[in-house]
Amino acid sequence: MKIFQHRLWGYEITLPDTWQHIAFNGKDGFAEDPDAFQEGYEGKKLGHLLIQGEWNALQKPVEKIWKGHISKTAMMLGAKKIGAAPWRMAGRSGLEVEIVLPKKSKKRLWAGILEHGMLVLSFLVLHWKTNRESFEPVVTEVISSLQFPPGVDGLSSTAEGIPLPPQGSPADPAAMVNDIQEPGRWQGFTTPHGVGPLQAFYTRELPNYEWEMLQYIPFPNTGGHPFAQIKARQGQKTILVGVLPGDDSSSSAMIISRV
């Protein structure tokens, strides 16, 4: 068995050694055969788990988020009318359902959703009906291994001790924000990550680096603030961390200001 740890969303699961992780379109897939995620796959090893994180900045009821995910899934697969039942996992609450597919379908589909603070994780399990007895116990064990550790491994940080997300690249902060004041006190970074996972990262990891959170303005928000902002303090130092939407939905620009 091996442990997969998502360093942005902050969850971890234990996988069989033969399973692989594939990231695509903001989702994380886990399967023995990575080709099982391809449309039209007819191989024997159709059996995979899909996990998608979402940052619930507007504090929507999880039932509303669930209905949106399930409606899209049902429409895409031609599923019959579906309901939901309460679900608890890793000390968190949510909803689950087995989605009834058309009788002619050879597949079985299960979905679930869990709320962990502002983090919402959606789960989707798909497999052949014929491999139910062999696959379901394995994927159930994987999902049951879900944990939310207080921090994640393998992070780097700035000279001031501010944690950096993976795949961050230095950038000119003046190119990110117009009319920036005191440019010498700002550091800029670009990342291939969305605004949501970066907010999850900083609200979790700044306290782990001994920064006291003083203020957090999430994004999106109802106040019209154009980006997420965190103010934190460590001794005599105070910092502002801004997470700005990028040019497209799959990327973000992140800048750090040391006040």
C-alpha atoms as a PDB file:
ATOM      1  CA  MET A   1       0.000   0.000   0.000  1.00  0.00           C
ATOM      2  CA  LYS A   2       1.108   3.595  -0.595  1.00  0.00           C
ATOM      3  CA  ILE A   3      -0.080   6.974   0.631  1.00  0.00           C
ATOM      4  CA  PHE A   4      -1.244   9.718  -1.710  1.00  0.00           C
ATOM      5  CA  GLN A   5      -1.245  13.178  -0.175  1.00  0.00           C
ATOM      6  CA  HIS A   6      -2.818  16.141  -1.938  1.00  0.00           C
ATOM      7  CA  ARG A   7      -0.577  19.025  -0.953  1.00  0.00           C
ATOM      8  CA  LEU A   8      -3.109  21.722  -1.897  1.00  0.00           C
ATOM      9  CA  TRP A   9      -6.476  20.356  -0.743  1.00  0.00           C
ATOM     10  CA  GLY A  10      -4.731  18.707   2.211  1.00  0.00           C
ATOM     11  CA  TYR A  11      -6.283  15.237   2.223  1.00  0.00           C
ATOM     12  CA  GLU A  12      -4.582  11.868   2.009  1.00  0.00           C
ATOM     13  CA  ILE A  13      -5.666   8.342   1.115  1.00  0.00           C
ATOM     14  CA  THR A  14      -3.973   4.946   1.098  1.00  0.00           C
ATOM     15  CA  LEU A  15      -3.826   3.203  -2.283  1.00  0.00           C
ATOM     16  CA  PRO A  16      -2.910  -0.291  -3.443  1.00  0.00           C
ATOM     17  CA  ASP A  17       0.633  -0.373  -4.821  1.00  0.00           C
ATOM     18  CA  THR A  18      -0.684  -1.137  -8.308  1.00  0.00           C
ATOM     19  CA  TRP A  19      -2.944   1.913  -8.471  1.00  0.00           C
ATOM     20  CA  GLN A  20      -1.860   5.098 -10.224  1.00  0.00           C
ATOM     21  CA  HIS A  21      -2.796   8.739  -9.780  1.00  0.00           C
ATOM     22  CA  ILE A  22      -3.813  10.916 -12.715  1.00  0.00           C
ATOM     23  CA  ALA A  23      -4.657  14.619 -12.454  1.00  0.00           C
ATOM     24  CA  PHE A  24      -6.863  16.207 -15.095  1.00  0.00           C
ATOM     25  CA  ASN A  25      -9.327  19.100 -15.362  1.00  0.00           C
ATOM     26  CA  GLY A  26      -9.002  19.937 -11.683  1.00  0.00           C
ATOM     27  CA  LYS A  27      -9.822  16.375 -10.655  1.00  0.00           C
ATOM     28  CA  ASP A  28      -7.706  13.560  -9.251  1.00  0.00           C
ATOM     29  CA  GLY A  29      -8.232  10.047 -10.559  1.00  0.00           C
ATOM     30  CA  PHE A  30      -7.037   6.786  -9.023  1.00  0.00           C
ATOM     31  CA  ALA A  31      -7.098   3.448 -10.833  1.00  0.00           C
ATOM     32  CA  GLU A  32      -5.033   0.385 -11.617  1.00  0.00           C
ATOM     33  CA  ASP A  33      -5.306   1.017 -15.343  1.00  0.00           C
ATOM     34  CA  PRO A  34      -5.011   4.745 -16.192  1.00  0.00           C
ATOM     35  CA  ASP A  35      -6.692   4.087 -19.541  1.00  0.00           C
ATOM     36  CA  ALA A  36      -9.887   3.361 -17.600  1.00  0.00           C
ATOM     37  CA  PHE A  37     -10.527   7.122 -17.547  1.00  0.00           C
ATOM     38  CA  GLN A  38     -10.679   7.261 -21.337  1.00  0.00           C
ATOM     39  CA  GLU A  39     -14.126   7.538 -22.888  1.00  0.00           C
ATOM     40  CA  GLY A  40     -15.111   4.285 -24.555  1.00  0.00           C
ATOM     41  CA  TYR A  41     -12.766   2.145 -22.446  1.00  0.00           C
ATOM     42  CA  GLU A  42     -13.717  -1.547 -22.741  1.00  0.00           C
ATOM     43  CA  GLY A  43     -10.827  -3.178 -20.886  1.00  0.00           C
ATOM     44  CA  LYS A  44     -11.258  -5.620 -18.034  1.00  0.00           C
ATOM     45  CA  LYS A  45      -9.917  -3.199 -15.411  1.00  0.00           C
ATOM     46  CA  LEU A  46     -12.657  -0.604 -15.490  1.00  0.00           C
ATOM     47  CA  GLY A  47     -12.690   0.474 -11.867  1.00  0.00           C
ATOM     48  CA  HIS A  48     -11.658   3.926 -10.738  1.00  0.00           C
ATOM     49  CA  LEU A  49     -12.107   6.588  -8.088  1.00  0.00           C
ATOM     50  CA  LEU A  50     -12.412  10.259  -8.962  1.00  0.00           C
ATOM     51  CA  ILE A  51     -12.007  12.973  -6.307  1.00  0.00           C
ATOM     52  CA  GLN A  52     -12.708  16.643  -6.932  1.00  0.00           C
ATOM     53  CA  GLY A  53     -12.036  19.433  -4.442  1.00  0.00           C
ATOM     54  CA  GLU A  54     -14.023  22.648  -4.243  1.00  0.00           C
ATOM     55  CA  TRP A  55     -13.505  25.695  -2.016  1.00  0.00           C
ATOM     56  CA  ASN A  56     -16.857  26.739  -0.589  1.00  0.00           C
ATOM     57  CA  ALA A  57     -15.945  30.399  -0.114  1.00  0.00           C
ATOM     58  CA  LEU A  58     -19.590  31.522  -0.193  1.00  0.00           C
ATOM     59  CA  GLN A  59     -20.566  28.987   2.484  1.00  0.00           C
ATOM     60  CA  LYS A  60     -23.249  27.354   0.340  1.00  0.00           C
ATOM     61  CA  PRO A  61     -25.194  24.501   1.965  1.00  0.00           C
ATOM     62  CA  VAL A  62     -23.523  21.253   0.961  1.00  0.00           C
ATOM     63  CA  GLU A  63     -26.892  19.961  -0.273  1.00  0.00           C
ATOM     64  CA  LYS A  64     -26.933  22.686  -2.931  1.00  0.00           C
ATOM     65  CA  ILE A  65     -23.429  21.796  -4.121  1.00  0.00           C
ATOM     66  CA  TRP A  66     -24.417  18.114  -4.151  1.00  0.00           C
ATOM     67  CA  LYS A  67     -27.463  18.727  -6.342  1.00  0.00           C
ATOM     68  CA  GLY A  68     -25.311  20.554  -8.872  1.00  0.00           C
ATOM     69  CA  HIS A  69     -22.752  17.741  -9.121  1.00  0.00           C
ATOM     70  CA  ILE A  70     -25.334  14.960  -9.226  1.00  0.00           C
ATOM     71  CA  SER A  71     -27.519  16.687 -11.814  1.00  0.00           C
ATOM     72  CA  LYS A  72     -24.568  17.030 -14.188  1.00  0.00           C
ATOM     73  CA  THR A  73     -23.481  13.424 -13.625  1.00  0.00           C
ATOM     74  CA  ALA A  74     -26.981  12.023 -14.122  1.00  0.00           C
ATOM     75  CA  MET A  75     -27.523  14.040 -17.292  1.00  0.00           C
ATOM     76  CA  MET A  76     -24.173  12.981 -18.745  1.00  0.00           C
ATOM     77  CA  LEU A  77     -24.758   9.269 -18.089  1.00  0.00           C
ATOM     78  CA  GLY A  78     -28.485   9.103 -18.668  1.00  0.00           C
ATOM     79  CA  ALA A  79     -29.069   7.936 -15.102  1.00  0.00           C
ATOM     80  CA  LYS A  80     -32.499   7.452 -13.609  1.00  0.00           C
ATOM     81  CA  LYS A  81     -33.964   9.568 -10.839  1.00  0.00           C
ATOM     82  CA  ILE A  82     -31.630   9.508  -7.865  1.00  0.00           C
ATOM     83  CA  GLY A  83     -31.799  10.465  -4.204  1.00  0.00           C
ATOM     84  CA  ALA A  84     -29.245  10.638  -1.422  1.00  0.00           C
ATOM     85  CA  ALA A  85     -28.535   9.315   2.047  1.00  0.00           C
ATOM     86  CA  PRO A  86     -26.476  10.789   4.917  1.00  0.00           C
ATOM     87  CA  TRP A  87     -22.822   9.754   4.845  1.00  0.00           C
ATOM     88  CA  ARG A  88     -19.997  10.093   7.335  1.00  0.00           C
ATOM     89  CA  MET A  89     -16.318   9.515   6.642  1.00  0.00           C
ATOM     90  CA  ALA A  90     -13.114  10.657   8.367  1.00  0.00           C
ATOM     91  CA  GLY A  91     -15.205  12.338  11.043  1.00  0.00           C
ATOM     92  CA  ARG A  92     -16.961  14.503   8.444  1.00  0.00           C
ATOM     93  CA  SER A  93     -20.539  14.499   7.217  1.00  0.00           C
ATOM     94  CA  GLY A  94     -22.000  14.531   3.733  1.00  0.00           C
ATOM     95  CA  LEU A  95     -24.233  12.628   1.337  1.00  0.00           C
ATOM     96  CA  GLU A  96     -23.924   9.489  -0.772  1.00  0.00           C
ATOM     97  CA  VAL A  97     -25.933   7.631  -3.391  1.00  0.00           C
ATOM     98  CA  GLU A  98     -25.674   4.718  -5.783  1.00  0.00           C
ATOM     99  CA  ILE A  99     -26.725   6.158  -9.125  1.00  0.00           C
ATOM    100  CA  VAL A 100     -29.019   3.846 -11.047  1.00  0.00           C
ATOM    101  CA  LEU A 101     -27.842   3.657 -14.648  1.00  0.00           C
ATOM    102  CA  PRO A 102     -29.983   2.413 -17.542  1.00  0.00           C
ATOM    103  CA  LYS A 103     -30.527  -1.370 -17.484  1.00  0.00           C
ATOM    104  CA  LYS A 104     -28.502  -1.840 -20.660  1.00  0.00           C
ATOM    105  CA  SER A 105     -25.443  -0.314 -19.007  1.00  0.00           C
ATOM    106  CA  LYS A 106     -22.705  -2.716 -17.880  1.00  0.00           C
ATOM    107  CA  LYS A 107     -21.442  -0.236 -15.306  1.00  0.00           C
ATOM    108  CA  ARG A 108     -22.151   0.640 -11.669  1.00  0.00           C
ATOM    109  CA  LEU A 109     -21.787   4.150 -10.330  1.00  0.00           C
ATOM    110  CA  TRP A 110     -21.562   5.542  -6.781  1.00  0.00           C
ATOM    111  CA  ALA A 111     -21.132   9.153  -5.700  1.00  0.00           C
ATOM    112  CA  GLY A 112     -20.526  10.940  -2.424  1.00  0.00           C
ATOM    113  CA  ILE A 113     -19.725  14.358  -1.044  1.00  0.00           C
ATOM    114  CA  LEU A 114     -18.030  15.430   2.210  1.00  0.00           C
ATOM    115  CA  GLU A 115     -17.672  18.823   3.877  1.00  0.00           C
ATOM    116  CA  HIS A 116     -14.500  19.751   5.788  1.00  0.00           C
ATOM    117  CA  GLY A 117     -14.734  23.402   6.745  1.00  0.00           C
ATOM    118  CA  MET A 118     -14.730  25.365   3.489  1.00  0.00           C
ATOM    119  CA  LEU A 119     -13.337  22.340   1.656  1.00  0.00           C
ATOM    120  CA  VAL A 120     -15.864  20.154  -0.137  1.00  0.00           C
ATOM    121  CA  LEU A 121     -14.699  16.854  -1.637  1.00  0.00           C
ATOM    122  CA  SER A 122     -16.794  15.045  -4.244  1.00  0.00           C
ATOM    123  CA  PHE A 123     -16.242  11.329  -4.930  1.00  0.00           C
ATOM    124  CA  LEU A 124     -17.209   9.244  -7.933  1.00  0.00           C
ATOM    125  CA  VAL A 125     -16.667   5.482  -8.269  1.00  0.00           C
ATOM    126  CA  LEU A 126     -17.257   3.690 -11.564  1.00  0.00           C
ATOM    127  CA  HIS A 127     -16.698   0.023 -12.395  1.00  0.00           C
ATOM    128  CA  TRP A 128     -18.058  -2.924 -14.353  1.00  0.00           C
ATOM    129  CA  LYS A 129     -20.954  -4.828 -12.811  1.00  0.00           C
ATOM    130  CA  THR A 130     -18.975  -8.005 -13.437  1.00  0.00           C
ATOM    131  CA  ASN A 131     -16.035  -6.974 -11.236  1.00  0.00           C
ATOM    132  CA  ARG A 132     -18.111  -5.749  -8.304  1.00  0.00           C
ATOM    133  CA  GLU A 133     -17.016  -8.493  -5.897  1.00  0.00           C
ATOM    134  CA  SER A 134     -13.322  -7.867  -6.501  1.00  0.00           C
ATOM    135  CA  PHE A 135     -13.300  -4.076  -6.918  1.00  0.00           C
ATOM    136  CA  GLU A 136     -15.793  -2.700  -4.401  1.00  0.00           C
ATOM    137  CA  PRO A 137     -13.986  -3.963  -1.261  1.00  0.00           C
ATOM    138  CA  VAL A 138     -10.756  -2.398  -2.521  1.00  0.00           C
ATOM    139  CA  VAL A 139     -12.200   1.009  -3.365  1.00  0.00           C
ATOM    140  CA  THR A 140     -14.202   1.025  -0.136  1.00  0.00           C
ATOM    141  CA  GLU A 141     -10.966   0.510   1.790  1.00  0.00           C
ATOM    142  CA  VAL A 142      -9.322   3.356  -0.153  1.00  0.00           C
ATOM    143  CA  ILE A 143     -12.141   5.804   0.606  1.00  0.00           C
ATOM    144  CA  SER A 144     -12.271   4.665   4.239  1.00  0.00           C
ATOM    145  CA  SER A 145      -8.581   5.550   4.582  1.00  0.00           C
ATOM    146  CA  LEU A 146      -9.354   9.242   3.960  1.00  0.00           C
ATOM    147  CA  GLN A 147      -7.670  11.594   6.429  1.00  0.00           C
ATOM    148  CA  PHE A 148      -7.111  15.329   6.778  1.00  0.00           C
ATOM    149  CA  PRO A 149      -3.622  15.705   8.318  1.00  0.00           C
ATOM    150  CA  PRO A 150      -2.806  19.054   9.976  1.00  0.00           C
ATOM    151  CA  GLY A 151      -0.113  19.728   7.383  1.00  0.00           C
ATOM    152  CA  VAL A 152       1.473  18.260   4.280  1.00  0.00           C
ATOM    153  CA  ASP A 153       5.002  17.183   3.391  1.00  0.00           C
ATOM    154  CA  GLY A 154       7.686  18.443   1.052  1.00  0.00           C
ATOM    155  CA  LEU A 155       6.974  22.173   1.009  1.00  0.00           C
ATOM    156  CA  SER A 156       9.447  24.968   0.395  1.00  0.00           C
ATOM    157  CA  SER A 157       9.190  28.476   1.819  1.00  0.00           C
ATOM    158  CA  THR A 158      10.423  32.023   1.270  1.00  0.00           C
ATOM    159  CA  ALA A 159      13.247  33.582   3.268  1.00  0.00           C
ATOM    160  CA  GLU A 160      10.586  35.104   5.531  1.00  0.00           C
ATOM    161  CA  GLY A 161       9.196  31.655   6.325  1.00  0.00           C
ATOM    162  CA  ILE A 162       6.080  31.822   4.145  1.00  0.00           C
ATOM    163  CA  PRO A 163       5.134  28.411   2.700  1.00  0.00           C
ATOM    164  CA  LEU A 164       5.001  28.070  -1.064  1.00  0.00           C
ATOM    165  CA  PRO A 165       2.650  25.794  -2.989  1.00  0.00           C
ATOM    166  CA  PRO A 166       4.165  23.252  -5.371  1.00  0.00           C
ATOM    167  CA  GLN A 167       4.982  24.415  -8.905  1.00  0.00           C
ATOM    168  CA  GLY A 168       5.185  28.082  -7.979  1.00  0.00           C
ATOM    169  CA  SER A 169       7.400  30.261 -10.183  1.00  0.00           C
ATOM    170  CA  PRO A 170       8.756  33.720  -9.268  1.00  0.00           C
ATOM    171  CA  ALA A 171       7.127  36.570 -11.167  1.00  0.00           C
ATOM    172  CA  ASP A 172       7.116  40.350 -11.221  1.00  0.00           C
ATOM    173  CA  PRO A 173       4.418  41.539  -8.774  1.00  0.00           C
ATOM    174  CA  ALA A 174       4.103  44.836 -10.650  1.00  0.00           C
ATOM    175  CA  ALA A 175       2.884  42.863 -13.659  1.00  0.00           C
ATOM    176  CA  MET A 176       0.131  41.344 -11.526  1.00  0.00           C
ATOM    177  CA  VAL A 177      -1.192  44.432  -9.763  1.00  0.00           C
ATOM    178  CA  ASN A 178      -1.463  47.937 -11.194  1.00  0.00           C
ATOM    179  CA  ASP A 179      -0.021  50.857  -9.209  1.00  0.00           C
ATOM    180  CA  ILE A 180       1.610  48.602  -6.628  1.00  0.00           C
ATOM    181  CA  GLN A 181       2.993  50.529  -3.678  1.00  0.00           C
ATOM    182  CA  GLU A 182       6.567  49.928  -2.481  1.00  0.00           C
ATOM    183  CA  PRO A 183       7.335  47.224  -5.068  1.00  0.00           C
ATOM    184  CA  GLY A 184      10.524  46.253  -3.260  1.00  0.00           C
ATOM    185  CA  ARG A 185       8.470  44.807  -0.405  1.00  0.00           C
ATOM    186  CA  TRP A 186       6.410  42.525  -2.623  1.00  0.00           C
ATOM    187  CA  GLN A 187       7.152  39.047  -3.948  1.00  0.00           C
ATOM    188  CA  GLY A 188       5.208  37.577  -6.844  1.00  0.00           C
ATOM    189  CA  PHE A 189       4.598  33.984  -7.927  1.00  0.00           C
ATOM    190  CA  THR A 190       2.530  32.296 -10.597  1.00  0.00           C
ATOM    191  CA  THR A 191       1.127  28.794 -10.238  1.00  0.00           C
ATOM    192  CA  PRO A 192      -0.875  26.379 -12.402  1.00  0.00           C
ATOM    193  CA  HIS A 193      -3.410  25.985  -9.580  1.00  0.00           C
ATOM    194  CA  GLY A 194      -6.870  27.447  -9.100  1.00  0.00           C
ATOM    195  CA  VAL A 195      -7.837  30.078  -6.551  1.00  0.00           C
ATOM    196  CA  GLY A 196      -9.723  27.496  -4.473  1.00  0.00           C
ATOM    197  CA  PRO A 197      -6.900  25.039  -3.779  1.00  0.00           C
ATOM    198  CA  LEU A 198      -4.485  27.910  -3.060  1.00  0.00           C
ATOM    199  CA  GLN A 199      -6.856  29.262  -0.418  1.00  0.00           C
ATOM    200  CA  ALA A 200      -7.089  25.802   1.115  1.00  0.00           C
ATOM    201  CA  PHE A 201      -3.291  25.639   1.113  1.00  0.00           C
ATOM    202  CA  TYR A 202      -2.648  28.989   2.811  1.00  0.00           C
ATOM    203  CA  THR A 203      -5.407  28.875   5.410  1.00  0.00           C
ATOM    204  CA  ARG A 204      -4.046  25.485   6.514  1.00  0.00           C
ATOM    205  CA  GLU A 205      -0.275  25.925   6.163  1.00  0.00           C
ATOM    206  CA  LEU A 206       0.355  29.461   7.422  1.00  0.00           C
ATOM    207  CA  PRO A 207      -0.472  28.450  11.035  1.00  0.00           C
ATOM    208  CA  ASN A 208       1.832  25.435  10.592  1.00  0.00           C
ATOM    209  CA  TYR A 209       4.655  27.897   9.863  1.00  0.00           C
ATOM    210  CA  GLU A 210       3.816  29.771  13.078  1.00  0.00           C
ATOM    211  CA  TRP A 211       1.873  32.581  11.447  1.00  0.00           C
ATOM    212  CA  GLU A 212      -1.126  33.828  13.410  1.00  0.00           C
ATOM    213  CA  MET A 213      -4.100  34.433  11.125  1.00  0.00           C
ATOM    214  CA  LEU A 214      -5.442  37.963  11.686  1.00  0.00           C
ATOM    215  CA  GLN A 215      -7.856  38.311   8.766  1.00  0.00           C
ATOM    216  CA  TYR A 216      -9.092  36.218   5.868  1.00  0.00           C
ATOM    217  CA  ILE A 217     -11.209  37.495   2.985  1.00  0.00           C
ATOM    218  CA  PRO A 218     -12.169  34.530   0.795  1.00  0.00           C
ATOM    219  CA  PHE A 219     -12.724  34.613  -2.949  1.00  0.00           C
ATOM    220  CA  PRO A 220     -15.348  34.706  -4.296  1.00  0.00           C
ATOM    221  CA  ASN A 221     -17.088  36.841  -1.689  1.00  0.00           C
ATOM    222  CA  THR A 222     -20.193  38.968  -1.336  1.00  0.00           C
ATOM    223  CA  GLY A 223     -18.267  42.179  -0.674  1.00  0.00           C
ATOM    224  CA  GLY A 224     -16.864  42.644  -4.174  1.00  0.00           C
ATOM    225  CA  HIS A 225     -13.227  42.081  -3.151  1.00  0.00           C
ATOM    226  CA  PRO A 226     -11.455  40.990  -6.385  1.00  0.00           C
ATOM    227  CA  PHE A 227      -9.136  38.392  -4.824  1.00  0.00           C
ATOM    228  CA  ALA A 228      -8.553  36.353  -1.681  1.00  0.00           C
ATOM    229  CA  GLN A 229      -6.521  38.067   1.019  1.00  0.00           C
ATOM    230  CA  ILE A 230      -4.936  36.786   4.218  1.00  0.00           C
ATOM    231  CA  LYS A 231      -3.311  38.949   6.870  1.00  0.00           C
ATOM    232  CA  ALA A 232      -1.043  37.108   9.313  1.00  0.00           C
ATOM    233  CA  ARG A 233       1.464  37.907  12.035  1.00  0.00           C
ATOM    234  CA  GLN A 234       4.595  36.257  13.397  1.00  0.00           C
ATOM    235  CA  GLY A 235       6.267  38.136  16.226  1.00  0.00           C
ATOM    236  CA  GLN A 236       6.920  41.652  14.944  1.00  0.00           C
ATOM    237  CA  LYS A 237       6.334  40.699  11.297  1.00  0.00           C
ATOM    238  CA  THR A 238       3.004  41.131   9.519  1.00  0.00           C
ATOM    239  CA  ILE A 239       2.320  39.841   6.023  1.00  0.00           C
ATOM    240  CA  LEU A 240      -0.425  40.036   3.438  1.00  0.00           C
ATOM    241  CA  VAL A 241      -0.958  37.064   1.141  1.00  0.00           C
ATOM    242  CA  GLY A 242      -3.090  37.727  -1.912  1.00  0.00           C
ATOM    243  CA  VAL A 243      -4.419  34.977  -4.178  1.00  0.00           C
ATOM    244  CA  LEU A 244      -5.570  36.436  -7.490  1.00  0.00           C
ATOM    245  CA  PRO A 245      -7.590  34.763 -10.260  1.00  0.00           C
ATOM    246  CA  GLY A 246      -5.460  34.076 -13.318  1.00  0.00           C
ATOM    247  CA  ASP A 247      -6.198  34.568 -16.977  1.00  0.00           C
ATOM    248  CA  ASP A 248      -8.248  31.372 -17.175  1.00  0.00           C
ATOM    249  CA  SER A 249     -10.101  29.080 -14.777  1.00  0.00           C
ATOM    250  CA  SER A 250      -7.250  26.552 -14.570  1.00  0.00           C
ATOM    251  CA  SER A 251      -4.546  28.904 -13.294  1.00  0.00           C
ATOM    252  CA  SER A 252      -3.996  31.586 -10.689  1.00  0.00           C
ATOM    253  CA  ALA A 253      -1.504  34.292  -9.882  1.00  0.00           C
ATOM    254  CA  MET A 254      -0.363  34.399  -6.278  1.00  0.00           C
ATOM    255  CA  ILE A 255       1.489  37.345  -4.785  1.00  0.00           C
ATOM    256  CA  ILE A 256       2.927  37.841  -1.329  1.00  0.00           C
ATOM    257  CA  SER A 257       3.355  41.268   0.282  1.00  0.00           C
ATOM    258  CA  ARG A 258       5.565  41.676   3.341  1.00  0.00           C
ATOM    259  CA  VAL A 259       4.376  44.718   5.320  1.00  0.00           C
END
